[in-house]
Amino acid sequence: MVPKSTQSRCPRPSPVDDGRPAVTSLTARRLTQLPPDRRPLPSVAPYDELLRLRRPGTTT
């Protein structure tokens, strides 16, 4: 963290517009170009069923 006294003496530099396109995150670029995911959401129901099954002779 920068002390406040340093912040007031060092203003933030203004962005430079040199005609080049802005840098885009690769993840954001991929997400905009991908088709929508039509797969069903995963379910935890099979794991819930495993939790309900008890071994004979065990108590909890």
PDB file of N, CA and C in Angstrom:
ATOM      1  N   MET A   1       0.842  -1.171   0.000  1.00  0.00           N
ATOM      2  CA  MET A   1       0.000   0.000   0.000  1.00  0.00           C
ATOM      3  C   MET A   1       0.892   1.241   0.000  1.00  0.00           C
ATOM      4  N   VAL A   2       0.552   2.189  -0.820  1.00  0.00           N
ATOM      5  CA  VAL A   2       1.333   3.416  -0.948  1.00  0.00           C
ATOM      6  C   VAL A   2       0.796   4.436   0.042  1.00  0.00           C
ATOM      7  N   PRO A   3       1.698   5.072   0.804  1.00  0.00           N
ATOM      8  CA  PRO A   3       1.234   6.099   1.744  1.00  0.00           C
ATOM      9  C   PRO A   3       0.551   7.244   1.012  1.00  0.00           C
ATOM     10  N   LYS A   4      -0.407   7.895   1.690  1.00  0.00           N
ATOM     11  CA  LYS A   4      -1.169   8.987   1.080  1.00  0.00           C
ATOM     12  C   LYS A   4      -0.278  10.141   0.655  1.00  0.00           C
ATOM     13  N   SER A   5       0.784  10.420   1.411  1.00  0.00           N
ATOM     14  CA  SER A   5       1.657  11.534   1.045  1.00  0.00           C
ATOM     15  C   SER A   5       2.322  11.281  -0.304  1.00  0.00           C
ATOM     16  N   THR A   6       2.651  10.047  -0.593  1.00  0.00           N
ATOM     17  CA  THR A   6       3.254   9.699  -1.879  1.00  0.00           C
ATOM     18  C   THR A   6       2.219   9.759  -2.982  1.00  0.00           C
ATOM     19  N   GLN A   7       0.969   9.361  -2.693  1.00  0.00           N
ATOM     20  CA  GLN A   7      -0.087   9.369  -3.700  1.00  0.00           C
ATOM     21  C   GLN A   7      -0.362  10.786  -4.192  1.00  0.00           C
ATOM     22  N   SER A   8      -0.350  11.749  -3.292  1.00  0.00           N
ATOM     23  CA  SER A   8      -0.660  13.115  -3.699  1.00  0.00           C
ATOM     24  C   SER A   8       0.459  13.724  -4.524  1.00  0.00           C
ATOM     25  N   ARG A   9       1.686  13.306  -4.299  1.00  0.00           N
ATOM     26  CA  ARG A   9       2.818  13.839  -5.058  1.00  0.00           C
ATOM     27  C   ARG A   9       3.003  13.138  -6.401  1.00  0.00           C
ATOM     28  N   CYS A  10       2.456  11.933  -6.559  1.00  0.00           N
ATOM     29  CA  CYS A  10       2.636  11.149  -7.779  1.00  0.00           C
ATOM     30  C   CYS A  10       1.281  10.897  -8.426  1.00  0.00           C
ATOM     31  N   PRO A  11       0.812  11.830  -9.242  1.00  0.00           N
ATOM     32  CA  PRO A  11      -0.491  11.599  -9.882  1.00  0.00           C
ATOM     33  C   PRO A  11      -0.413  10.431 -10.853  1.00  0.00           C
ATOM     34  N   ARG A  12      -1.555   9.818 -11.078  1.00  0.00           N
ATOM     35  CA  ARG A  12      -1.606   8.697 -12.014  1.00  0.00           C
ATOM     36  C   ARG A  12      -1.366   9.201 -13.432  1.00  0.00           C
ATOM     37  N   PRO A  13      -0.594   8.456 -14.199  1.00  0.00           N
ATOM     38  CA  PRO A  13      -0.385   8.877 -15.583  1.00  0.00           C
ATOM     39  C   PRO A  13      -1.663   8.697 -16.397  1.00  0.00           C
ATOM     40  N   SER A  14      -1.875   9.608 -17.333  1.00  0.00           N
ATOM     41  CA  SER A  14      -3.060   9.486 -18.178  1.00  0.00           C
ATOM     42  C   SER A  14      -2.791   8.446 -19.261  1.00  0.00           C
ATOM     43  N   PRO A  15      -3.831   7.729 -19.693  1.00  0.00           N
ATOM     44  CA  PRO A  15      -3.617   6.725 -20.733  1.00  0.00           C
ATOM     45  C   PRO A  15      -3.174   7.386 -22.032  1.00  0.00           C
ATOM     46  N   VAL A  16      -2.287   6.716 -22.724  1.00  0.00           N
ATOM     47  CA  VAL A  16      -1.752   7.247 -23.970  1.00  0.00           C
ATOM     48  C   VAL A  16      -2.540   6.665 -25.130  1.00  0.00           C
ATOM     49  N   ASP A  17      -3.026   7.526 -26.006  1.00  0.00           N
ATOM     50  CA  ASP A  17      -3.741   7.073 -27.193  1.00  0.00           C
ATOM     51  C   ASP A  17      -2.786   7.211 -28.376  1.00  0.00           C
ATOM     52  N   ASP A  18      -2.090   6.110 -28.667  1.00  0.00           N
ATOM     53  CA  ASP A  18      -1.129   6.150 -29.757  1.00  0.00           C
ATOM     54  C   ASP A  18      -1.665   5.473 -31.020  1.00  0.00           C
ATOM     55  N   GLY A  19      -2.973   5.250 -31.084  1.00  0.00           N
ATOM     56  CA  GLY A  19      -3.578   4.671 -32.271  1.00  0.00           C
ATOM     57  C   GLY A  19      -3.615   3.154 -32.279  1.00  0.00           C
ATOM     58  N   ARG A  20      -2.946   2.535 -31.322  1.00  0.00           N
ATOM     59  CA  ARG A  20      -2.964   1.069 -31.268  1.00  0.00           C
ATOM     60  C   ARG A  20      -4.232   0.602 -30.552  1.00  0.00           C
ATOM     61  N   PRO A  21      -4.735  -0.580 -30.922  1.00  0.00           N
ATOM     62  CA  PRO A  21      -5.921  -1.092 -30.226  1.00  0.00           C
ATOM     63  C   PRO A  21      -5.589  -1.446 -28.779  1.00  0.00           C
ATOM     64  N   ALA A  22      -6.602  -1.375 -27.933  1.00  0.00           N
ATOM     65  CA  ALA A  22      -6.413  -1.702 -26.518  1.00  0.00           C
ATOM     66  C   ALA A  22      -6.125  -3.195 -26.362  1.00  0.00           C
ATOM     67  N   VAL A  23      -5.402  -3.543 -25.326  1.00  0.00           N
ATOM     68  CA  VAL A  23      -5.092  -4.943 -25.047  1.00  0.00           C
ATOM     69  C   VAL A  23      -6.333  -5.607 -24.476  1.00  0.00           C
ATOM     70  N   THR A  24      -6.711  -6.738 -25.044  1.00  0.00           N
ATOM     71  CA  THR A  24      -7.884  -7.480 -24.601  1.00  0.00           C
ATOM     72  C   THR A  24      -7.436  -8.773 -23.933  1.00  0.00           C
ATOM     73  N   SER A  25      -8.053  -9.106 -22.846  1.00  0.00           N
ATOM     74  CA  SER A  25      -7.764 -10.357 -22.159  1.00  0.00           C
ATOM     75  C   SER A  25      -8.058 -11.526 -23.088  1.00  0.00           C
ATOM     76  N   LEU A  26      -7.150 -12.496 -23.108  1.00  0.00           N
ATOM     77  CA  LEU A  26      -7.352 -13.663 -23.959  1.00  0.00           C
ATOM     78  C   LEU A  26      -8.600 -14.431 -23.539  1.00  0.00           C
ATOM     79  N   THR A  27      -8.846 -14.525 -22.231  1.00  0.00           N
ATOM     80  CA  THR A  27     -10.040 -15.215 -21.747  1.00  0.00           C
ATOM     81  C   THR A  27     -11.301 -14.504 -22.220  1.00  0.00           C
ATOM     82  N   ALA A  28     -11.335 -13.183 -22.110  1.00  0.00           N
ATOM     83  CA  ALA A  28     -12.508 -12.433 -22.559  1.00  0.00           C
ATOM     84  C   ALA A  28     -12.708 -12.598 -24.058  1.00  0.00           C
ATOM     85  N   ARG A  29     -11.634 -12.600 -24.807  1.00  0.00           N
ATOM     86  CA  ARG A  29     -11.735 -12.765 -26.258  1.00  0.00           C
ATOM     87  C   ARG A  29     -12.283 -14.136 -26.613  1.00  0.00           C
ATOM     88  N   ARG A  30     -11.807 -15.161 -25.941  1.00  0.00           N
ATOM     89  CA  ARG A  30     -12.294 -16.522 -26.204  1.00  0.00           C
ATOM     90  C   ARG A  30     -13.778 -16.651 -25.864  1.00  0.00           C
ATOM     91  N   LEU A  31     -14.189 -16.057 -24.740  1.00  0.00           N
ATOM     92  CA  LEU A  31     -15.580 -16.166 -24.319  1.00  0.00           C
ATOM     93  C   LEU A  31     -16.531 -15.498 -25.297  1.00  0.00           C
ATOM     94  N   THR A  32     -16.095 -14.420 -25.932  1.00  0.00           N
ATOM     95  CA  THR A  32     -16.970 -13.740 -26.887  1.00  0.00           C
ATOM     96  C   THR A  32     -17.068 -14.493 -28.197  1.00  0.00           C
ATOM     97  N   GLN A  33     -16.100 -15.354 -28.495  1.00  0.00           N
ATOM     98  CA  GLN A  33     -16.089 -16.064 -29.770  1.00  0.00           C
ATOM     99  C   GLN A  33     -16.607 -17.496 -29.657  1.00  0.00           C
ATOM    100  N   LEU A  34     -16.818 -17.972 -28.463  1.00  0.00           N
ATOM    101  CA  LEU A  34     -17.290 -19.346 -28.289  1.00  0.00           C
ATOM    102  C   LEU A  34     -18.805 -19.426 -28.454  1.00  0.00           C
ATOM    103  N   PRO A  35     -19.299 -20.551 -29.005  1.00  0.00           N
ATOM    104  CA  PRO A  35     -20.751 -20.725 -29.052  1.00  0.00           C
ATOM    105  C   PRO A  35     -21.271 -20.979 -27.640  1.00  0.00           C
ATOM    106  N   PRO A  36     -22.560 -20.758 -27.410  1.00  0.00           N
ATOM    107  CA  PRO A  36     -23.106 -20.995 -26.065  1.00  0.00           C
ATOM    108  C   PRO A  36     -22.990 -22.470 -25.675  1.00  0.00           C
ATOM    109  N   ASP A  37     -22.735 -22.708 -24.403  1.00  0.00           N
ATOM    110  CA  ASP A  37     -22.612 -24.073 -23.878  1.00  0.00           C
ATOM    111  C   ASP A  37     -24.012 -24.607 -23.605  1.00  0.00           C
ATOM    112  N   ARG A  38     -24.416 -25.611 -24.338  1.00  0.00           N
ATOM    113  CA  ARG A  38     -25.770 -26.162 -24.217  1.00  0.00           C
ATOM    114  C   ARG A  38     -25.821 -27.431 -23.372  1.00  0.00           C
ATOM    115  N   ARG A  39     -24.708 -27.766 -22.740  1.00  0.00           N
ATOM    116  CA  ARG A  39     -24.694 -28.963 -21.889  1.00  0.00           C
ATOM    117  C   ARG A  39     -25.505 -28.715 -20.620  1.00  0.00           C
ATOM    118  N   PRO A  40     -26.141 -29.765 -20.086  1.00  0.00           N
ATOM    119  CA  PRO A  40     -26.878 -29.581 -18.829  1.00  0.00           C
ATOM    120  C   PRO A  40     -25.899 -29.342 -17.677  1.00  0.00           C
ATOM    121  N   LEU A  41     -26.369 -28.632 -16.673  1.00  0.00           N
ATOM    122  CA  LEU A  41     -25.535 -28.396 -15.506  1.00  0.00           C
ATOM    123  C   LEU A  41     -25.266 -29.715 -14.788  1.00  0.00           C
ATOM    124  N   PRO A  42     -24.087 -29.872 -14.210  1.00  0.00           N
ATOM    125  CA  PRO A  42     -23.803 -31.109 -13.484  1.00  0.00           C
ATOM    126  C   PRO A  42     -24.695 -31.249 -12.255  1.00  0.00           C
ATOM    127  N   SER A  43     -24.919 -32.494 -11.863  1.00  0.00           N
ATOM    128  CA  SER A  43     -25.767 -32.765 -10.711  1.00  0.00           C
ATOM    129  C   SER A  43     -24.958 -33.501  -9.647  1.00  0.00           C
ATOM    130  N   VAL A  44     -25.237 -33.207  -8.403  1.00  0.00           N
ATOM    131  CA  VAL A  44     -24.577 -33.907  -7.308  1.00  0.00           C
ATOM    132  C   VAL A  44     -25.463 -35.012  -6.751  1.00  0.00           C
ATOM    133  N   ALA A  45     -26.587 -35.286  -7.401  1.00  0.00           N
ATOM    134  CA  ALA A  45     -27.523 -36.299  -6.923  1.00  0.00           C
ATOM    135  C   ALA A  45     -26.863 -37.670  -6.754  1.00  0.00           C
ATOM    136  N   PRO A  46     -26.025 -38.146  -7.687  1.00  0.00           N
ATOM    137  CA  PRO A  46     -25.390 -39.454  -7.464  1.00  0.00           C
ATOM    138  C   PRO A  46     -24.529 -39.479  -6.202  1.00  0.00           C
ATOM    139  N   TYR A  47     -23.862 -38.376  -5.894  1.00  0.00           N
ATOM    140  CA  TYR A  47     -23.038 -38.333  -4.685  1.00  0.00           C
ATOM    141  C   TYR A  47     -23.916 -38.285  -3.431  1.00  0.00           C
ATOM    142  N   ASP A  48     -25.024 -37.572  -3.504  1.00  0.00           N
ATOM    143  CA  ASP A  48     -25.957 -37.559  -2.385  1.00  0.00           C
ATOM    144  C   ASP A  48     -26.481 -38.960  -2.103  1.00  0.00           C
ATOM    145  N   GLU A  49     -26.731 -39.706  -3.162  1.00  0.00           N
ATOM    146  CA  GLU A  49     -27.221 -41.084  -2.991  1.00  0.00           C
ATOM    147  C   GLU A  49     -26.160 -41.935  -2.292  1.00  0.00           C
ATOM    148  N   LEU A  50     -24.904 -41.749  -2.640  1.00  0.00           N
ATOM    149  CA  LEU A  50     -23.833 -42.497  -1.984  1.00  0.00           C
ATOM    150  C   LEU A  50     -23.757 -42.161  -0.507  1.00  0.00           C
ATOM    151  N   LEU A  51     -24.043 -40.925  -0.136  1.00  0.00           N
ATOM    152  CA  LEU A  51     -24.007 -40.548   1.269  1.00  0.00           C
ATOM    153  C   LEU A  51     -25.137 -41.189   2.059  1.00  0.00           C
ATOM    154  N   ARG A  52     -26.249 -41.457   1.386  1.00  0.00           N
ATOM    155  CA  ARG A  52     -27.386 -42.077   2.075  1.00  0.00           C
ATOM    156  C   ARG A  52     -27.154 -43.564   2.331  1.00  0.00           C
ATOM    157  N   LEU A  53     -26.356 -44.200   1.497  1.00  0.00           N
ATOM    158  CA  LEU A  53     -26.090 -45.629   1.676  1.00  0.00           C
ATOM    159  C   LEU A  53     -25.181 -45.827   2.886  1.00  0.00           C
ATOM    160  N   ARG A  54     -25.540 -46.745   3.750  1.00  0.00           N
ATOM    161  CA  ARG A  54     -24.736 -47.027   4.943  1.00  0.00           C
ATOM    162  C   ARG A  54     -24.271 -48.469   4.881  1.00  0.00           C
ATOM    163  N   ARG A  55     -23.077 -48.682   5.328  1.00  0.00           N
ATOM    164  CA  ARG A  55     -22.560 -50.058   5.395  1.00  0.00           C
ATOM    165  C   ARG A  55     -23.173 -50.743   6.598  1.00  0.00           C
ATOM    166  N   PRO A  56     -23.475 -52.021   6.449  1.00  0.00           N
ATOM    167  CA  PRO A  56     -23.999 -52.753   7.619  1.00  0.00           C
ATOM    168  C   PRO A  56     -22.959 -52.786   8.744  1.00  0.00           C
ATOM    169  N   GLY A  57     -23.412 -52.595   9.950  1.00  0.00           N
ATOM    170  CA  GLY A  57     -22.535 -52.664  11.117  1.00  0.00           C
ATOM    171  C   GLY A  57     -21.866 -51.358  11.475  1.00  0.00           C
ATOM    172  N   THR A  58     -22.124 -50.289  10.753  1.00  0.00           N
ATOM    173  CA  THR A  58     -21.514 -48.999  11.113  1.00  0.00           C
ATOM    174  C   THR A  58     -22.592 -48.105  11.706  1.00  0.00           C
ATOM    175  N   THR A  59     -22.177 -47.311  12.668  1.00  0.00           N
ATOM    176  CA  THR A  59     -23.115 -46.358  13.262  1.00  0.00           C
ATOM    177  C   THR A  59     -22.490 -44.970  13.208  1.00  0.00           C
ATOM    178  N   THR A  60     -23.347 -43.987  13.061  1.00  0.00           N
ATOM    179  CA  THR A  60     -22.840 -42.612  13.057  1.00  0.00           C
ATOM    180  C   THR A  60     -23.656 -41.758  13.971  1.00  0.00           C
TER     181      THR A  60
END
